[in-house]
């Protein structure tokens, strides 16, 4: 199953968890009903601007993005080498595209990729790609 389809299923689950119907959610987040349907079905990647608005509705956007709830991993046992690898990948992406990613967005990508990579000792490349697509 592709990451974008998984993203869409988790997005729908979260929308239903917070008790919103599709139209109301789309209105609240600032997209058309058709766009929301496309995001939930995995037809389109919503991008960072959309994802960054999810938290304001009570959506666990880390879960939507990577499939893990924030408390599912212990931040007191941070793998600093992994964090450094993730940051190096972010900076390599910036250099390759000659585009600066603001610190807040870097932190969001770091947290998301770390959640998906934690325990493996290496950067989850699919999560990194998804994260960088969101901030592009």
N, C-alpha and C. Protein backbone atom coordinates (compact mmCIF):
# COMPACT_ATOMS: atom_id res chain seq x y z
N UNK A 1 0.85 -1.18 0.00
CA UNK A 1 0.00 0.00 0.00
C UNK A 1 0.90 1.24 0.00
N UNK A 2 0.53 2.25 -0.76
CA UNK A 2 1.38 3.43 -0.88
C UNK A 2 1.20 4.35 0.33
N UNK A 3 2.22 5.16 0.55
CA UNK A 3 2.18 6.10 1.67
C UNK A 3 1.03 7.09 1.55
N UNK A 4 0.75 7.55 0.33
CA UNK A 4 -0.30 8.55 0.16
C UNK A 4 -1.68 7.95 0.44
N UNK A 5 -1.88 6.68 0.10
CA UNK A 5 -3.16 6.03 0.42
C UNK A 5 -3.29 5.85 1.92
N UNK A 6 -2.20 5.42 2.57
CA UNK A 6 -2.20 5.30 4.03
C UNK A 6 -2.47 6.65 4.68
N UNK A 7 -1.85 7.70 4.15
CA UNK A 7 -2.06 9.06 4.63
C UNK A 7 -3.55 9.39 4.56
N UNK A 8 -4.17 9.12 3.41
CA UNK A 8 -5.58 9.42 3.22
C UNK A 8 -6.49 8.67 4.18
N UNK A 9 -6.19 7.40 4.42
CA UNK A 9 -7.00 6.62 5.35
C UNK A 9 -6.87 7.15 6.77
N UNK A 10 -5.66 7.50 7.16
CA UNK A 10 -5.46 8.05 8.51
C UNK A 10 -6.14 9.41 8.64
N UNK A 11 -6.09 10.20 7.57
CA UNK A 11 -6.75 11.50 7.57
C UNK A 11 -8.25 11.34 7.78
N UNK A 12 -8.86 10.42 7.05
CA UNK A 12 -10.29 10.18 7.21
C UNK A 12 -10.60 9.69 8.62
N UNK A 13 -9.77 8.78 9.14
CA UNK A 13 -9.96 8.29 10.50
C UNK A 13 -9.94 9.44 11.50
N UNK A 14 -8.97 10.32 11.36
CA UNK A 14 -8.85 11.46 12.28
C UNK A 14 -10.04 12.41 12.14
N UNK A 15 -10.47 12.66 10.91
CA UNK A 15 -11.64 13.52 10.70
C UNK A 15 -12.85 12.95 11.42
N UNK A 16 -13.05 11.64 11.27
CA UNK A 16 -14.19 10.99 11.92
C UNK A 16 -14.00 10.96 13.44
N UNK A 17 -12.75 10.78 13.89
CA UNK A 17 -12.47 10.74 15.33
C UNK A 17 -12.86 12.04 16.01
N UNK A 18 -12.63 13.17 15.31
CA UNK A 18 -12.98 14.46 15.93
C UNK A 18 -14.43 14.85 15.65
N UNK A 19 -15.17 13.97 14.99
CA UNK A 19 -16.61 14.15 14.82
C UNK A 19 -17.03 15.11 13.74
N UNK A 20 -16.23 15.25 12.70
CA UNK A 20 -16.59 16.18 11.62
C UNK A 20 -16.96 15.41 10.37
N UNK A 21 -17.97 15.94 9.66
CA UNK A 21 -18.29 15.34 8.37
C UNK A 21 -17.35 15.91 7.32
N UNK A 22 -17.36 15.32 6.15
CA UNK A 22 -16.41 15.69 5.11
C UNK A 22 -16.53 17.15 4.69
N UNK A 23 -17.75 17.61 4.47
CA UNK A 23 -17.96 18.99 4.02
C UNK A 23 -17.55 20.00 5.09
N UNK A 24 -17.94 19.75 6.33
CA UNK A 24 -17.58 20.65 7.42
C UNK A 24 -16.07 20.71 7.64
N UNK A 25 -15.43 19.58 7.53
CA UNK A 25 -13.97 19.52 7.69
C UNK A 25 -13.29 20.30 6.57
N UNK A 26 -13.74 20.07 5.33
CA UNK A 26 -13.15 20.78 4.19
C UNK A 26 -13.30 22.29 4.36
N UNK A 27 -14.49 22.72 4.77
CA UNK A 27 -14.72 24.15 4.99
C UNK A 27 -13.80 24.69 6.08
N UNK A 28 -13.71 23.96 7.17
CA UNK A 28 -12.90 24.42 8.31
C UNK A 28 -11.42 24.49 7.98
N UNK A 29 -10.94 23.60 7.13
CA UNK A 29 -9.52 23.56 6.80
C UNK A 29 -9.20 24.47 5.60
N UNK A 30 -10.27 24.89 4.88
CA UNK A 30 -10.07 25.85 3.80
C UNK A 30 -9.82 25.24 2.42
N UNK A 31 -10.43 24.06 2.18
CA UNK A 31 -10.31 23.44 0.86
C UNK A 31 -11.70 23.07 0.36
N UNK A 32 -11.80 22.74 -0.90
CA UNK A 32 -13.09 22.32 -1.44
C UNK A 32 -13.41 20.89 -0.98
N UNK A 33 -14.66 20.55 -1.06
CA UNK A 33 -15.09 19.19 -0.71
C UNK A 33 -14.39 18.18 -1.63
N UNK A 34 -14.28 18.52 -2.91
CA UNK A 34 -13.62 17.64 -3.88
C UNK A 34 -12.15 17.41 -3.51
N UNK A 35 -11.47 18.47 -3.08
CA UNK A 35 -10.07 18.32 -2.67
C UNK A 35 -9.96 17.40 -1.47
N UNK A 36 -10.87 17.57 -0.49
CA UNK A 36 -10.84 16.73 0.70
C UNK A 36 -11.06 15.26 0.32
N UNK A 37 -11.97 15.01 -0.58
CA UNK A 37 -12.21 13.64 -1.05
C UNK A 37 -10.94 13.08 -1.69
N UNK A 38 -10.27 13.88 -2.50
CA UNK A 38 -9.03 13.44 -3.14
C UNK A 38 -7.93 13.14 -2.13
N UNK A 39 -7.82 13.95 -1.08
CA UNK A 39 -6.81 13.71 -0.05
C UNK A 39 -7.11 12.42 0.71
N UNK A 40 -8.37 12.24 1.08
CA UNK A 40 -8.74 11.06 1.86
C UNK A 40 -8.68 9.76 1.04
N UNK A 41 -8.84 9.86 -0.25
CA UNK A 41 -8.78 8.66 -1.09
C UNK A 41 -7.36 8.36 -1.57
N UNK A 42 -6.43 9.26 -1.26
CA UNK A 42 -5.05 9.06 -1.68
C UNK A 42 -4.79 9.43 -3.12
N UNK A 43 -5.69 10.19 -3.72
CA UNK A 43 -5.52 10.61 -5.11
C UNK A 43 -4.55 11.77 -5.26
N UNK A 44 -4.46 12.61 -4.22
CA UNK A 44 -3.58 13.78 -4.29
C UNK A 44 -2.88 13.97 -2.94
N UNK A 45 -1.67 14.50 -3.01
CA UNK A 45 -0.88 14.86 -1.84
C UNK A 45 -1.25 16.30 -1.47
N UNK A 46 -1.73 16.52 -0.25
CA UNK A 46 -2.23 17.86 0.09
C UNK A 46 -1.16 18.93 0.27
N UNK A 47 0.06 18.57 0.55
CA UNK A 47 1.10 19.57 0.74
C UNK A 47 1.14 20.11 2.17
N UNK A 48 2.22 20.84 2.44
CA UNK A 48 2.50 21.30 3.80
C UNK A 48 1.48 22.31 4.32
N UNK A 49 1.02 23.22 3.49
CA UNK A 49 0.08 24.26 3.97
C UNK A 49 -1.16 23.61 4.56
N UNK A 50 -1.66 22.58 3.92
CA UNK A 50 -2.83 21.86 4.40
C UNK A 50 -2.51 21.14 5.71
N UNK A 51 -1.42 20.37 5.69
CA UNK A 51 -1.06 19.58 6.88
C UNK A 51 -0.83 20.49 8.08
N UNK A 52 -0.24 21.65 7.85
CA UNK A 52 0.05 22.56 8.96
C UNK A 52 -1.22 23.11 9.61
N UNK A 53 -2.35 23.07 8.91
CA UNK A 53 -3.62 23.55 9.46
C UNK A 53 -4.38 22.46 10.22
N UNK A 54 -3.98 21.21 10.08
CA UNK A 54 -4.73 20.11 10.71
C UNK A 54 -4.79 20.22 12.23
N UNK A 55 -3.68 20.61 12.83
CA UNK A 55 -3.62 20.66 14.29
C UNK A 55 -4.65 21.62 14.87
N UNK A 56 -4.97 22.69 14.14
CA UNK A 56 -5.94 23.66 14.64
C UNK A 56 -7.34 23.07 14.78
N UNK A 57 -7.58 21.94 14.13
CA UNK A 57 -8.88 21.27 14.23
C UNK A 57 -8.86 20.12 15.23
N UNK A 58 -7.72 19.90 15.87
CA UNK A 58 -7.61 18.80 16.83
C UNK A 58 -7.16 17.49 16.21
N UNK A 59 -6.68 17.55 14.98
CA UNK A 59 -6.19 16.37 14.29
C UNK A 59 -4.75 16.09 14.74
N UNK A 60 -4.44 14.84 15.02
CA UNK A 60 -3.07 14.44 15.32
C UNK A 60 -2.34 14.31 13.99
N UNK A 61 -1.73 15.40 13.54
CA UNK A 61 -1.13 15.43 12.21
C UNK A 61 0.09 14.54 12.10
N UNK A 62 0.79 14.29 13.21
CA UNK A 62 1.92 13.35 13.15
C UNK A 62 1.40 11.96 12.83
N UNK A 63 0.30 11.56 13.46
CA UNK A 63 -0.31 10.27 13.15
C UNK A 63 -0.73 10.22 11.68
N UNK A 64 -1.37 11.26 11.20
CA UNK A 64 -1.82 11.28 9.80
C UNK A 64 -0.62 11.13 8.87
N UNK A 65 0.46 11.83 9.17
CA UNK A 65 1.62 11.83 8.29
C UNK A 65 2.43 10.53 8.35
N UNK A 66 2.63 9.98 9.55
CA UNK A 66 3.54 8.83 9.65
C UNK A 66 2.93 7.57 10.25
N UNK A 67 1.72 7.65 10.76
CA UNK A 67 1.07 6.45 11.27
C UNK A 67 1.39 6.10 12.71
N UNK A 68 2.04 7.01 13.43
CA UNK A 68 2.33 6.79 14.84
C UNK A 68 1.81 7.96 15.64
N UNK A 69 1.19 7.66 16.76
CA UNK A 69 0.75 8.72 17.66
C UNK A 69 1.97 9.30 18.36
N UNK A 70 1.94 10.58 18.63
CA UNK A 70 3.09 11.24 19.25
C UNK A 70 3.58 10.52 20.51
N UNK A 71 2.70 10.06 21.42
CA UNK A 71 3.21 9.38 22.62
C UNK A 71 3.70 7.95 22.36
N UNK A 72 3.59 7.45 21.12
CA UNK A 72 4.02 6.09 20.83
C UNK A 72 5.53 5.90 20.89
N UNK A 73 6.27 6.97 20.92
CA UNK A 73 7.71 6.85 21.06
C UNK A 73 8.17 7.77 22.18
N UNK A 74 9.22 7.37 22.86
CA UNK A 74 9.69 8.10 24.03
C UNK A 74 10.74 9.12 23.63
N UNK A 75 10.41 10.40 23.84
CA UNK A 75 11.34 11.45 23.47
C UNK A 75 12.51 11.58 24.45
N UNK A 76 12.39 10.95 25.62
CA UNK A 76 13.50 11.04 26.57
C UNK A 76 14.64 10.11 26.18
N UNK A 77 14.43 9.28 25.19
CA UNK A 77 15.49 8.39 24.68
C UNK A 77 15.80 8.74 23.23
N UNK A 78 16.14 9.97 23.02
CA UNK A 78 16.37 10.47 21.67
C UNK A 78 17.66 9.89 21.10
N UNK A 79 17.60 9.42 19.89
CA UNK A 79 18.76 8.96 19.13
C UNK A 79 19.33 10.18 18.41
N UNK A 80 20.31 10.83 19.04
CA UNK A 80 20.84 12.08 18.50
C UNK A 80 21.55 11.86 17.17
N UNK A 81 22.16 10.70 16.97
CA UNK A 81 22.80 10.41 15.68
C UNK A 81 21.76 10.38 14.56
N UNK A 82 20.62 9.78 14.86
CA UNK A 82 19.53 9.73 13.87
C UNK A 82 19.03 11.14 13.58
N UNK A 83 18.87 11.96 14.61
CA UNK A 83 18.44 13.36 14.41
C UNK A 83 19.43 14.09 13.50
N UNK A 84 20.70 13.87 13.74
CA UNK A 84 21.72 14.51 12.92
C UNK A 84 21.64 14.05 11.46
N UNK A 85 21.40 12.75 11.25
CA UNK A 85 21.25 12.23 9.89
C UNK A 85 20.06 12.87 9.18
N UNK A 86 18.96 12.99 9.92
CA UNK A 86 17.75 13.59 9.34
C UNK A 86 18.02 15.05 8.96
N UNK A 87 18.65 15.79 9.86
CA UNK A 87 18.96 17.20 9.57
C UNK A 87 19.92 17.32 8.39
N UNK A 88 20.90 16.41 8.29
CA UNK A 88 21.81 16.42 7.14
C UNK A 88 21.04 16.20 5.84
N UNK A 89 20.06 15.30 5.87
CA UNK A 89 19.25 15.04 4.68
C UNK A 89 18.41 16.27 4.31
N UNK A 90 17.87 16.95 5.32
CA UNK A 90 17.10 18.17 5.06
C UNK A 90 18.00 19.22 4.40
N UNK A 91 19.21 19.39 4.95
CA UNK A 91 20.13 20.40 4.41
C UNK A 91 20.62 20.02 3.02
N UNK A 92 20.80 18.73 2.75
CA UNK A 92 21.19 18.28 1.41
C UNK A 92 20.06 18.60 0.42
N UNK A 93 18.82 18.40 0.84
CA UNK A 93 17.67 18.73 0.00
C UNK A 93 17.66 20.23 -0.30
N UNK A 94 17.92 21.03 0.73
CA UNK A 94 17.95 22.49 0.53
C UNK A 94 19.04 22.89 -0.48
N UNK A 95 20.23 22.32 -0.31
CA UNK A 95 21.33 22.65 -1.21
C UNK A 95 21.02 22.23 -2.64
N UNK A 96 20.47 21.05 -2.81
CA UNK A 96 20.16 20.54 -4.15
C UNK A 96 19.13 21.40 -4.87
N UNK A 97 18.22 21.98 -4.12
CA UNK A 97 17.15 22.77 -4.72
C UNK A 97 17.36 24.27 -4.58
N UNK A 98 18.45 24.62 -3.90
CA UNK A 98 18.73 26.05 -3.65
C UNK A 98 17.53 26.75 -3.06
N UNK A 99 16.95 26.07 -2.09
CA UNK A 99 15.73 26.56 -1.45
C UNK A 99 15.86 26.36 0.06
N UNK A 100 15.65 27.39 0.82
CA UNK A 100 15.75 27.34 2.28
C UNK A 100 14.42 26.89 2.87
N UNK A 101 14.49 25.94 3.78
CA UNK A 101 13.31 25.48 4.51
C UNK A 101 13.32 26.17 5.87
N UNK A 102 12.27 26.92 6.22
CA UNK A 102 12.24 27.61 7.52
C UNK A 102 12.41 26.64 8.68
N UNK A 103 12.98 27.14 9.76
CA UNK A 103 13.29 26.30 10.92
C UNK A 103 12.08 25.55 11.46
N UNK A 104 10.93 26.19 11.51
CA UNK A 104 9.73 25.53 12.01
C UNK A 104 9.33 24.33 11.17
N UNK A 105 9.48 24.47 9.87
CA UNK A 105 9.15 23.36 8.98
C UNK A 105 10.22 22.27 9.07
N UNK A 106 11.48 22.66 9.25
CA UNK A 106 12.53 21.66 9.45
C UNK A 106 12.23 20.83 10.69
N UNK A 107 11.81 21.49 11.74
CA UNK A 107 11.48 20.79 12.98
C UNK A 107 10.31 19.83 12.77
N UNK A 108 9.32 20.26 12.03
CA UNK A 108 8.17 19.39 11.76
C UNK A 108 8.61 18.15 10.97
N UNK A 109 9.47 18.34 9.97
CA UNK A 109 9.98 17.21 9.19
C UNK A 109 10.82 16.31 10.09
N UNK A 110 11.67 16.91 10.90
CA UNK A 110 12.51 16.14 11.82
C UNK A 110 11.66 15.25 12.73
N UNK A 111 10.63 15.83 13.32
CA UNK A 111 9.76 15.07 14.23
C UNK A 111 9.04 13.94 13.49
N UNK A 112 8.53 14.25 12.30
CA UNK A 112 7.79 13.25 11.55
C UNK A 112 8.71 12.11 11.11
N UNK A 113 9.86 12.45 10.56
CA UNK A 113 10.78 11.42 10.07
C UNK A 113 11.35 10.63 11.24
N UNK A 114 11.63 11.31 12.34
CA UNK A 114 12.14 10.60 13.52
C UNK A 114 11.12 9.59 14.03
N UNK A 115 9.85 9.98 14.06
CA UNK A 115 8.80 9.07 14.52
C UNK A 115 8.75 7.81 13.67
N UNK A 116 8.96 7.96 12.38
CA UNK A 116 8.90 6.82 11.46
C UNK A 116 10.20 6.01 11.48
N UNK A 117 11.32 6.66 11.81
CA UNK A 117 12.63 6.02 11.74
C UNK A 117 13.12 5.47 13.08
N UNK A 118 12.55 5.98 14.16
CA UNK A 118 13.00 5.62 15.51
C UNK A 118 13.06 4.11 15.69
N UNK A 119 14.16 3.64 16.22
CA UNK A 119 14.32 2.21 16.48
C UNK A 119 15.10 1.49 15.39
N UNK A 120 15.15 2.06 14.19
CA UNK A 120 15.87 1.41 13.10
C UNK A 120 17.32 1.87 13.01
N UNK A 121 17.59 3.06 13.57
CA UNK A 121 18.95 3.59 13.51
C UNK A 121 19.29 4.24 12.18
N UNK A 122 18.33 4.26 11.26
CA UNK A 122 18.58 4.92 9.99
C UNK A 122 17.34 5.68 9.53
N UNK A 123 17.57 6.66 8.67
CA UNK A 123 16.49 7.52 8.20
C UNK A 123 15.56 6.72 7.29
N UNK A 124 14.27 6.80 7.57
CA UNK A 124 13.27 6.19 6.70
C UNK A 124 13.12 7.11 5.49
N UNK A 125 13.62 6.64 4.36
CA UNK A 125 13.67 7.49 3.15
C UNK A 125 12.27 7.85 2.64
N UNK A 126 11.30 6.94 2.79
CA UNK A 126 9.93 7.26 2.35
C UNK A 126 9.35 8.39 3.19
N UNK A 127 9.57 8.34 4.50
CA UNK A 127 9.09 9.40 5.39
C UNK A 127 9.79 10.71 5.08
N UNK A 128 11.10 10.65 4.79
CA UNK A 128 11.84 11.87 4.46
C UNK A 128 11.30 12.48 3.18
N UNK A 129 11.05 11.66 2.16
CA UNK A 129 10.51 12.16 0.91
C UNK A 129 9.15 12.81 1.13
N UNK A 130 8.28 12.15 1.88
CA UNK A 130 6.96 12.71 2.16
C UNK A 130 7.09 14.03 2.92
N UNK A 131 7.96 14.07 3.93
CA UNK A 131 8.16 15.29 4.69
C UNK A 131 8.65 16.45 3.85
N UNK A 132 9.60 16.18 2.96
CA UNK A 132 10.15 17.24 2.14
C UNK A 132 9.15 17.67 1.07
N UNK A 133 8.29 16.75 0.61
CA UNK A 133 7.23 17.13 -0.32
C UNK A 133 6.28 18.12 0.36
N UNK A 134 6.02 17.88 1.63
CA UNK A 134 5.09 18.73 2.35
C UNK A 134 5.62 20.14 2.54
N UNK A 135 6.92 20.29 2.65
CA UNK A 135 7.47 21.63 2.87
C UNK A 135 7.88 22.31 1.58
N UNK A 136 7.86 21.59 0.48
CA UNK A 136 8.28 22.15 -0.81
C UNK A 136 7.32 23.22 -1.29
